[in-house]
């Protein structure tokens, strides 16, 4: 991200954003809202796994099952 070439397709992008925000205010709860983001389940799972591995709490507030089946 420091190079200015980060993108949302980079697996470390969200992690780096959370680190920067946490450094600015370590006491605030940070949330990621990926509403209306189109991606395959593998990349979504990979991103969530990365966040979970570093101890980021994850809450699912909505699950759209309309695309299944």
N, C-alpha and C. Protein backbone atom coordinates (compact mmCIF):
# COMPACT_ATOMS: atom_id res chain seq x y z
N UNK A 1 0.81 -1.19 0.00
CA UNK A 1 0.00 0.00 0.00
C UNK A 1 0.86 1.26 0.00
N UNK A 2 2.00 1.20 0.63
CA UNK A 2 2.88 2.35 0.67
C UNK A 2 3.33 2.76 -0.72
N UNK A 3 3.41 1.81 -1.63
CA UNK A 3 3.85 2.12 -2.99
C UNK A 3 2.75 2.78 -3.81
N UNK A 4 1.54 2.81 -3.31
CA UNK A 4 0.44 3.40 -4.05
C UNK A 4 -0.16 2.47 -5.08
N UNK A 5 0.18 1.19 -5.03
CA UNK A 5 -0.31 0.25 -6.03
C UNK A 5 -1.30 -0.75 -5.46
N UNK A 6 -1.72 -0.58 -4.22
CA UNK A 6 -2.65 -1.53 -3.61
C UNK A 6 -4.01 -1.43 -4.27
N UNK A 7 -4.71 -2.54 -4.29
CA UNK A 7 -6.07 -2.55 -4.80
C UNK A 7 -6.91 -3.47 -3.94
N UNK A 8 -8.22 -3.38 -4.10
CA UNK A 8 -9.10 -4.23 -3.31
C UNK A 8 -8.96 -5.69 -3.69
N UNK A 9 -8.33 -5.98 -4.83
CA UNK A 9 -8.10 -7.36 -5.22
C UNK A 9 -6.88 -7.96 -4.52
N UNK A 10 -6.09 -7.13 -3.87
CA UNK A 10 -4.92 -7.58 -3.13
C UNK A 10 -5.39 -8.16 -1.80
N UNK A 11 -4.97 -9.40 -1.49
CA UNK A 11 -5.43 -10.05 -0.26
C UNK A 11 -5.04 -9.29 1.00
N UNK A 12 -3.97 -8.52 0.97
CA UNK A 12 -3.54 -7.78 2.15
C UNK A 12 -4.11 -6.38 2.26
N UNK A 13 -4.92 -5.98 1.29
CA UNK A 13 -5.44 -4.61 1.25
C UNK A 13 -6.28 -4.27 2.49
N UNK A 14 -7.29 -5.08 2.77
CA UNK A 14 -8.14 -4.82 3.93
C UNK A 14 -7.35 -4.88 5.22
N UNK A 15 -6.46 -5.85 5.32
CA UNK A 15 -5.63 -5.98 6.51
C UNK A 15 -4.82 -4.72 6.75
N UNK A 16 -4.22 -4.19 5.70
CA UNK A 16 -3.42 -2.97 5.83
C UNK A 16 -4.29 -1.78 6.22
N UNK A 17 -5.49 -1.67 5.66
CA UNK A 17 -6.39 -0.59 6.04
C UNK A 17 -6.78 -0.67 7.51
N UNK A 18 -7.04 -1.89 7.99
CA UNK A 18 -7.37 -2.07 9.40
C UNK A 18 -6.19 -1.70 10.28
N UNK A 19 -4.99 -2.05 9.87
CA UNK A 19 -3.79 -1.70 10.66
C UNK A 19 -3.61 -0.19 10.74
N UNK A 20 -3.80 0.51 9.64
CA UNK A 20 -3.66 1.96 9.62
C UNK A 20 -4.72 2.61 10.51
N UNK A 21 -5.96 2.17 10.37
CA UNK A 21 -7.05 2.73 11.19
C UNK A 21 -6.83 2.44 12.66
N UNK A 22 -6.37 1.24 12.98
CA UNK A 22 -6.10 0.87 14.38
C UNK A 22 -4.97 1.72 14.96
N UNK A 23 -3.96 1.99 14.16
CA UNK A 23 -2.85 2.83 14.63
C UNK A 23 -3.34 4.24 14.94
N UNK A 24 -4.31 4.73 14.18
CA UNK A 24 -4.86 6.06 14.40
C UNK A 24 -5.69 6.12 15.68
N UNK A 25 -6.42 5.05 15.98
CA UNK A 25 -7.25 4.99 17.19
C UNK A 25 -7.42 3.54 17.60
N UNK A 26 -6.54 3.04 18.50
CA UNK A 26 -6.58 1.63 18.87
C UNK A 26 -7.82 1.21 19.67
N UNK A 27 -8.62 2.16 20.13
CA UNK A 27 -9.78 1.82 20.95
C UNK A 27 -11.09 1.77 20.18
N UNK A 28 -11.07 2.13 18.92
CA UNK A 28 -12.31 2.16 18.14
C UNK A 28 -12.58 0.78 17.53
N UNK A 29 -13.85 0.41 17.43
CA UNK A 29 -14.22 -0.83 16.74
C UNK A 29 -14.29 -0.53 15.25
N UNK A 30 -13.61 -1.37 14.48
CA UNK A 30 -13.56 -1.19 13.04
C UNK A 30 -14.46 -2.19 12.35
N UNK A 31 -15.17 -1.75 11.32
CA UNK A 31 -16.08 -2.62 10.58
C UNK A 31 -15.77 -2.55 9.10
N UNK A 32 -15.93 -3.67 8.44
CA UNK A 32 -15.80 -3.76 6.99
C UNK A 32 -17.18 -4.10 6.43
N UNK A 33 -17.70 -3.24 5.60
CA UNK A 33 -18.99 -3.47 4.98
C UNK A 33 -18.74 -3.77 3.51
N UNK A 34 -18.86 -5.03 3.14
CA UNK A 34 -18.61 -5.39 1.74
C UNK A 34 -19.91 -5.58 0.98
N UNK A 35 -20.91 -4.77 1.30
CA UNK A 35 -22.21 -4.82 0.64
C UNK A 35 -22.06 -4.66 -0.86
N UNK A 36 -22.75 -5.49 -1.59
CA UNK A 36 -22.84 -5.42 -3.04
C UNK A 36 -21.49 -5.63 -3.73
N UNK A 37 -20.61 -6.35 -3.07
CA UNK A 37 -19.32 -6.68 -3.67
C UNK A 37 -19.46 -8.02 -4.36
N UNK A 38 -19.16 -8.06 -5.63
CA UNK A 38 -19.26 -9.29 -6.38
C UNK A 38 -17.90 -9.97 -6.37
N UNK A 39 -17.86 -11.18 -5.84
CA UNK A 39 -16.61 -11.93 -5.84
C UNK A 39 -16.95 -13.40 -5.72
N UNK A 40 -16.00 -14.22 -6.05
CA UNK A 40 -16.24 -15.65 -5.90
C UNK A 40 -16.05 -16.03 -4.44
N UNK A 41 -16.60 -17.15 -4.05
CA UNK A 41 -16.56 -17.54 -2.64
C UNK A 41 -15.15 -17.83 -2.17
N UNK A 42 -14.26 -18.30 -3.06
CA UNK A 42 -12.89 -18.59 -2.64
C UNK A 42 -12.18 -17.33 -2.18
N UNK A 43 -12.28 -16.24 -2.94
CA UNK A 43 -11.58 -15.01 -2.54
C UNK A 43 -12.21 -14.40 -1.29
N UNK A 44 -13.52 -14.49 -1.15
CA UNK A 44 -14.17 -14.00 0.05
C UNK A 44 -13.72 -14.79 1.26
N UNK A 45 -13.72 -16.11 1.15
CA UNK A 45 -13.26 -16.95 2.26
C UNK A 45 -11.80 -16.68 2.59
N UNK A 46 -10.98 -16.50 1.58
CA UNK A 46 -9.56 -16.23 1.80
C UNK A 46 -9.37 -14.91 2.55
N UNK A 47 -10.12 -13.89 2.16
CA UNK A 47 -10.03 -12.59 2.84
C UNK A 47 -10.49 -12.70 4.29
N UNK A 48 -11.59 -13.39 4.53
CA UNK A 48 -12.08 -13.56 5.90
C UNK A 48 -11.11 -14.39 6.73
N UNK A 49 -10.52 -15.43 6.14
CA UNK A 49 -9.54 -16.24 6.85
C UNK A 49 -8.33 -15.41 7.27
N UNK A 50 -7.87 -14.54 6.38
CA UNK A 50 -6.73 -13.68 6.70
C UNK A 50 -7.05 -12.76 7.87
N UNK A 51 -8.22 -12.14 7.84
CA UNK A 51 -8.62 -11.26 8.93
C UNK A 51 -8.76 -12.02 10.24
N UNK A 52 -9.32 -13.22 10.19
CA UNK A 52 -9.50 -14.04 11.39
C UNK A 52 -8.16 -14.49 11.96
N UNK A 53 -7.20 -14.81 11.11
CA UNK A 53 -5.90 -15.28 11.57
C UNK A 53 -5.16 -14.23 12.39
N UNK A 54 -5.40 -12.97 12.12
CA UNK A 54 -4.73 -11.92 12.89
C UNK A 54 -5.59 -11.40 14.04
N UNK A 55 -6.71 -12.07 14.27
CA UNK A 55 -7.52 -11.77 15.45
C UNK A 55 -8.58 -10.71 15.26
N UNK A 56 -8.93 -10.41 14.02
CA UNK A 56 -9.99 -9.43 13.78
C UNK A 56 -11.33 -10.11 14.02
N UNK A 57 -12.15 -9.57 14.95
CA UNK A 57 -13.48 -10.15 15.14
C UNK A 57 -14.32 -9.98 13.87
N UNK A 58 -15.08 -11.00 13.52
CA UNK A 58 -15.89 -10.95 12.31
C UNK A 58 -17.35 -11.22 12.69
N UNK A 59 -18.24 -10.32 12.27
CA UNK A 59 -19.67 -10.49 12.49
C UNK A 59 -20.34 -10.53 11.13
N UNK A 60 -21.19 -11.49 10.92
CA UNK A 60 -22.01 -11.53 9.71
C UNK A 60 -23.37 -10.96 10.08
N UNK A 61 -23.74 -9.85 9.47
CA UNK A 61 -25.01 -9.21 9.79
C UNK A 61 -26.08 -9.51 8.76
N UNK A 62 -25.66 -10.03 7.62
CA UNK A 62 -26.62 -10.37 6.58
C UNK A 62 -25.98 -11.41 5.67
N UNK A 63 -26.76 -12.35 5.25
CA UNK A 63 -26.29 -13.36 4.31
C UNK A 63 -27.29 -13.45 3.18
N UNK A 64 -26.85 -13.14 1.99
CA UNK A 64 -27.72 -13.20 0.82
C UNK A 64 -27.60 -14.58 0.19
N UNK A 65 -28.65 -15.36 0.29
CA UNK A 65 -28.63 -16.72 -0.26
C UNK A 65 -29.36 -16.80 -1.59
N UNK A 66 -29.76 -15.67 -2.14
CA UNK A 66 -30.51 -15.65 -3.38
C UNK A 66 -29.74 -16.17 -4.57
N UNK A 67 -28.41 -16.13 -4.51
CA UNK A 67 -27.62 -16.57 -5.66
C UNK A 67 -27.29 -18.06 -5.61
N UNK A 68 -27.69 -18.74 -4.55
CA UNK A 68 -27.42 -20.17 -4.45
C UNK A 68 -28.52 -20.95 -5.17
N UNK A 69 -28.13 -22.11 -5.71
CA UNK A 69 -29.13 -22.99 -6.29
C UNK A 69 -29.23 -22.86 -7.71
